[in-house]
Amino acid sequence: MTIQQAFERLGKSAFRSRFHLSVKDKDYIKNKGLETIRRHAEDFVKTRLAPAVIPNDGKQTPMRGHPVFVAQHACACCCRGCLNKWYHVPKDVDLTPEQQKKIVNLIMAWITREIV
């Protein structure tokens, strides 16, 4: 699935499409820069989504507090359950580096759309 295809599918979900960055989130991105935000996204995906077993799966991503968290919910990349439901990513295996990269790229594409 391409990023555009994911956005089209996510746009049909009332829940996913209600997520937007706040002014505070946009200011944070402006102050930190997109490269720093990308590094944060890479870290969050690596530590909170990539492991095969996540003790608090389904609850590991807050709804707010960081622009990447908001983007994760908007993109259905917030937990292994959502990754499985939306993108057919198996729950019981570690995410590959390529899968992690695709997730980060989707998150960053969503953030970029929001800050324009």
C-alpha atoms as a PDB file:
ATOM      1  CA  MET A   1       0.000   0.000   0.000  1.00  0.00           C
ATOM      2  CA  THR A   2       1.348   3.423  -0.907  1.00  0.00           C
ATOM      3  CA  ILE A   3       1.209   6.407   1.414  1.00  0.00           C
ATOM      4  CA  GLN A   4      -1.493   7.960  -0.768  1.00  0.00           C
ATOM      5  CA  GLN A   5      -3.549   4.755  -0.659  1.00  0.00           C
ATOM      6  CA  ALA A   6      -3.178   4.657   3.129  1.00  0.00           C
ATOM      7  CA  PHE A   7      -4.341   8.289   3.390  1.00  0.00           C
ATOM      8  CA  GLU A   8      -7.355   7.562   1.189  1.00  0.00           C
ATOM      9  CA  ARG A   9      -8.322   4.579   3.322  1.00  0.00           C
ATOM     10  CA  LEU A  10      -7.692   6.396   6.616  1.00  0.00           C
ATOM     11  CA  GLY A  11      -9.744   9.349   5.359  1.00  0.00           C
ATOM     12  CA  LYS A  12     -12.809   7.106   5.270  1.00  0.00           C
ATOM     13  CA  SER A  13     -12.535   6.454   9.009  1.00  0.00           C
ATOM     14  CA  ALA A  14     -14.368   8.967  11.171  1.00  0.00           C
ATOM     15  CA  PHE A  15     -12.096   8.077  14.093  1.00  0.00           C
ATOM     16  CA  ARG A  16      -8.770   8.370  12.227  1.00  0.00           C
ATOM     17  CA  SER A  17      -9.703  11.524  10.340  1.00  0.00           C
ATOM     18  CA  ARG A  18     -10.559  13.480  13.465  1.00  0.00           C
ATOM     19  CA  PHE A  19      -6.901  13.637  14.531  1.00  0.00           C
ATOM     20  CA  HIS A  20      -5.083  16.901  13.801  1.00  0.00           C
ATOM     21  CA  LEU A  21      -2.011  18.598  15.196  1.00  0.00           C
ATOM     22  CA  SER A  22      -2.642  21.312  17.746  1.00  0.00           C
ATOM     23  CA  VAL A  23      -1.010  24.721  17.587  1.00  0.00           C
ATOM     24  CA  LYS A  24       1.285  23.539  20.385  1.00  0.00           C
ATOM     25  CA  ASP A  25       2.276  20.475  18.310  1.00  0.00           C
ATOM     26  CA  LYS A  26       2.965  22.643  15.260  1.00  0.00           C
ATOM     27  CA  ASP A  27       5.067  25.039  17.327  1.00  0.00           C
ATOM     28  CA  TYR A  28       7.018  22.098  18.733  1.00  0.00           C
ATOM     29  CA  ILE A  29       7.733  20.841  15.212  1.00  0.00           C
ATOM     30  CA  LYS A  30       8.761  24.309  14.085  1.00  0.00           C
ATOM     31  CA  ASN A  31      11.160  24.666  17.020  1.00  0.00           C
ATOM     32  CA  LYS A  32      12.650  21.162  16.797  1.00  0.00           C
ATOM     33  CA  GLY A  33      12.654  20.696  13.018  1.00  0.00           C
ATOM     34  CA  LEU A  34      11.388  17.787  10.949  1.00  0.00           C
ATOM     35  CA  GLU A  35      14.640  15.822  11.193  1.00  0.00           C
ATOM     36  CA  THR A  36      14.386  15.760  14.991  1.00  0.00           C
ATOM     37  CA  ILE A  37      10.723  14.769  14.772  1.00  0.00           C
ATOM     38  CA  ARG A  38      11.705  11.952  12.374  1.00  0.00           C
ATOM     39  CA  ARG A  39      14.291  10.707  14.887  1.00  0.00           C
ATOM     40  CA  HIS A  40      11.620  10.760  17.595  1.00  0.00           C
ATOM     41  CA  ALA A  41       9.279   8.787  15.311  1.00  0.00           C
ATOM     42  CA  GLU A  42      12.017   6.255  14.556  1.00  0.00           C
ATOM     43  CA  ASP A  43      12.668   5.806  18.271  1.00  0.00           C
ATOM     44  CA  PHE A  44       8.980   5.487  19.185  1.00  0.00           C
ATOM     45  CA  VAL A  45       8.379   2.928  16.428  1.00  0.00           C
ATOM     46  CA  LYS A  46      11.507   0.959  17.335  1.00  0.00           C
ATOM     47  CA  THR A  47      10.773   0.829  21.057  1.00  0.00           C
ATOM     48  CA  ARG A  48       6.967   0.851  21.195  1.00  0.00           C
ATOM     49  CA  LEU A  49       5.878  -1.013  18.052  1.00  0.00           C
ATOM     50  CA  ALA A  50       8.715  -3.136  16.678  1.00  0.00           C
ATOM     51  CA  PRO A  51       8.972  -5.825  19.375  1.00  0.00           C
ATOM     52  CA  ALA A  52       6.910  -8.967  18.779  1.00  0.00           C
ATOM     53  CA  VAL A  53       5.618  -8.860  22.346  1.00  0.00           C
ATOM     54  CA  ILE A  54       4.558  -5.570  23.882  1.00  0.00           C
ATOM     55  CA  PRO A  55       3.233  -5.917  27.437  1.00  0.00           C
ATOM     56  CA  ASN A  56       0.879  -2.934  27.181  1.00  0.00           C
ATOM     57  CA  ASP A  57      -0.056  -3.318  23.514  1.00  0.00           C
ATOM     58  CA  GLY A  58      -3.045  -1.169  22.694  1.00  0.00           C
ATOM     59  CA  LYS A  59      -2.152   1.334  25.388  1.00  0.00           C
ATOM     60  CA  GLN A  60       1.474   2.192  24.601  1.00  0.00           C
ATOM     61  CA  THR A  61       0.784   5.336  22.570  1.00  0.00           C
ATOM     62  CA  PRO A  62      -0.723   8.337  24.353  1.00  0.00           C
ATOM     63  CA  MET A  63      -3.387  10.298  22.476  1.00  0.00           C
ATOM     64  CA  ARG A  64      -1.432  13.544  22.858  1.00  0.00           C
ATOM     65  CA  GLY A  65       1.779  14.940  24.294  1.00  0.00           C
ATOM     66  CA  HIS A  66       3.929  14.659  21.154  1.00  0.00           C
ATOM     67  CA  PRO A  67       3.110  15.266  17.479  1.00  0.00           C
ATOM     68  CA  VAL A  68       4.260  11.741  16.592  1.00  0.00           C
ATOM     69  CA  PHE A  69       1.725  10.243  19.018  1.00  0.00           C
ATOM     70  CA  VAL A  70      -1.097  12.145  17.290  1.00  0.00           C
ATOM     71  CA  ALA A  71       0.205  11.042  13.893  1.00  0.00           C
ATOM     72  CA  GLN A  72       0.431   7.424  15.027  1.00  0.00           C
ATOM     73  CA  HIS A  73      -3.260   7.435  15.922  1.00  0.00           C
ATOM     74  CA  ALA A  74      -4.223   9.270  12.726  1.00  0.00           C
ATOM     75  CA  CYS A  75      -2.290   6.701  10.667  1.00  0.00           C
ATOM     76  CA  ALA A  76      -3.376   3.607  12.632  1.00  0.00           C
ATOM     77  CA  CYS A  77       0.243   2.991  13.651  1.00  0.00           C
ATOM     78  CA  CYS A  78      -0.365   3.299  17.373  1.00  0.00           C
ATOM     79  CA  CYS A  79      -0.280  -0.381  18.369  1.00  0.00           C
ATOM     80  CA  ARG A  80       0.233  -3.820  16.903  1.00  0.00           C
ATOM     81  CA  GLY A  81      -3.518  -4.407  16.867  1.00  0.00           C
ATOM     82  CA  CYS A  82      -4.079  -1.404  14.608  1.00  0.00           C
ATOM     83  CA  LEU A  83      -1.104  -2.320  12.419  1.00  0.00           C
ATOM     84  CA  ASN A  84      -2.621  -5.763  11.987  1.00  0.00           C
ATOM     85  CA  LYS A  85      -6.142  -4.499  11.306  1.00  0.00           C
ATOM     86  CA  TRP A  86      -5.178  -1.734   8.877  1.00  0.00           C
ATOM     87  CA  TYR A  87      -2.006  -3.068   7.235  1.00  0.00           C
ATOM     88  CA  HIS A  88      -2.123  -6.842   7.916  1.00  0.00           C
ATOM     89  CA  VAL A  89       1.153  -6.733   9.874  1.00  0.00           C
ATOM     90  CA  PRO A  90       1.369  -9.879  12.035  1.00  0.00           C
ATOM     91  CA  LYS A  91       1.281  -9.201  15.760  1.00  0.00           C
ATOM     92  CA  ASP A  92       3.606 -11.938  16.942  1.00  0.00           C
ATOM     93  CA  VAL A  93       6.818 -11.138  15.029  1.00  0.00           C
ATOM     94  CA  ASP A  94       9.320  -8.309  15.335  1.00  0.00           C
ATOM     95  CA  LEU A  95       8.912  -5.553  12.769  1.00  0.00           C
ATOM     96  CA  THR A  96      11.681  -5.559  10.198  1.00  0.00           C
ATOM     97  CA  PRO A  97      13.781  -2.436   9.668  1.00  0.00           C
ATOM     98  CA  GLU A  98      11.972  -1.986   6.322  1.00  0.00           C
ATOM     99  CA  GLN A  99       8.551  -2.147   8.010  1.00  0.00           C
ATOM    100  CA  GLN A 100       9.706   0.345  10.625  1.00  0.00           C
ATOM    101  CA  LYS A 101      10.926   2.686   7.888  1.00  0.00           C
ATOM    102  CA  LYS A 102       7.581   2.486   6.062  1.00  0.00           C
ATOM    103  CA  ILE A 103       5.693   3.297   9.252  1.00  0.00           C
ATOM    104  CA  VAL A 104       7.952   6.275   9.990  1.00  0.00           C
ATOM    105  CA  ASN A 105       7.565   7.501   6.406  1.00  0.00           C
ATOM    106  CA  LEU A 106       3.773   7.339   6.728  1.00  0.00           C
ATOM    107  CA  ILE A 107       3.841   9.183  10.058  1.00  0.00           C
ATOM    108  CA  MET A 108       6.143  11.876   8.655  1.00  0.00           C
ATOM    109  CA  ALA A 109       4.028  12.276   5.507  1.00  0.00           C
ATOM    110  CA  TRP A 110       0.971  12.825   7.694  1.00  0.00           C
ATOM    111  CA  ILE A 111       2.814  15.359   9.868  1.00  0.00           C
ATOM    112  CA  THR A 112       4.061  17.189   6.769  1.00  0.00           C
ATOM    113  CA  ARG A 113       0.490  17.432   5.446  1.00  0.00           C
ATOM    114  CA  GLU A 114      -0.679  18.822   8.770  1.00  0.00           C
ATOM    115  CA  ILE A 115       1.911  21.576   9.056  1.00  0.00           C
ATOM    116  CA  VAL A 116       1.365  23.034   5.570  1.00  0.00           C
END
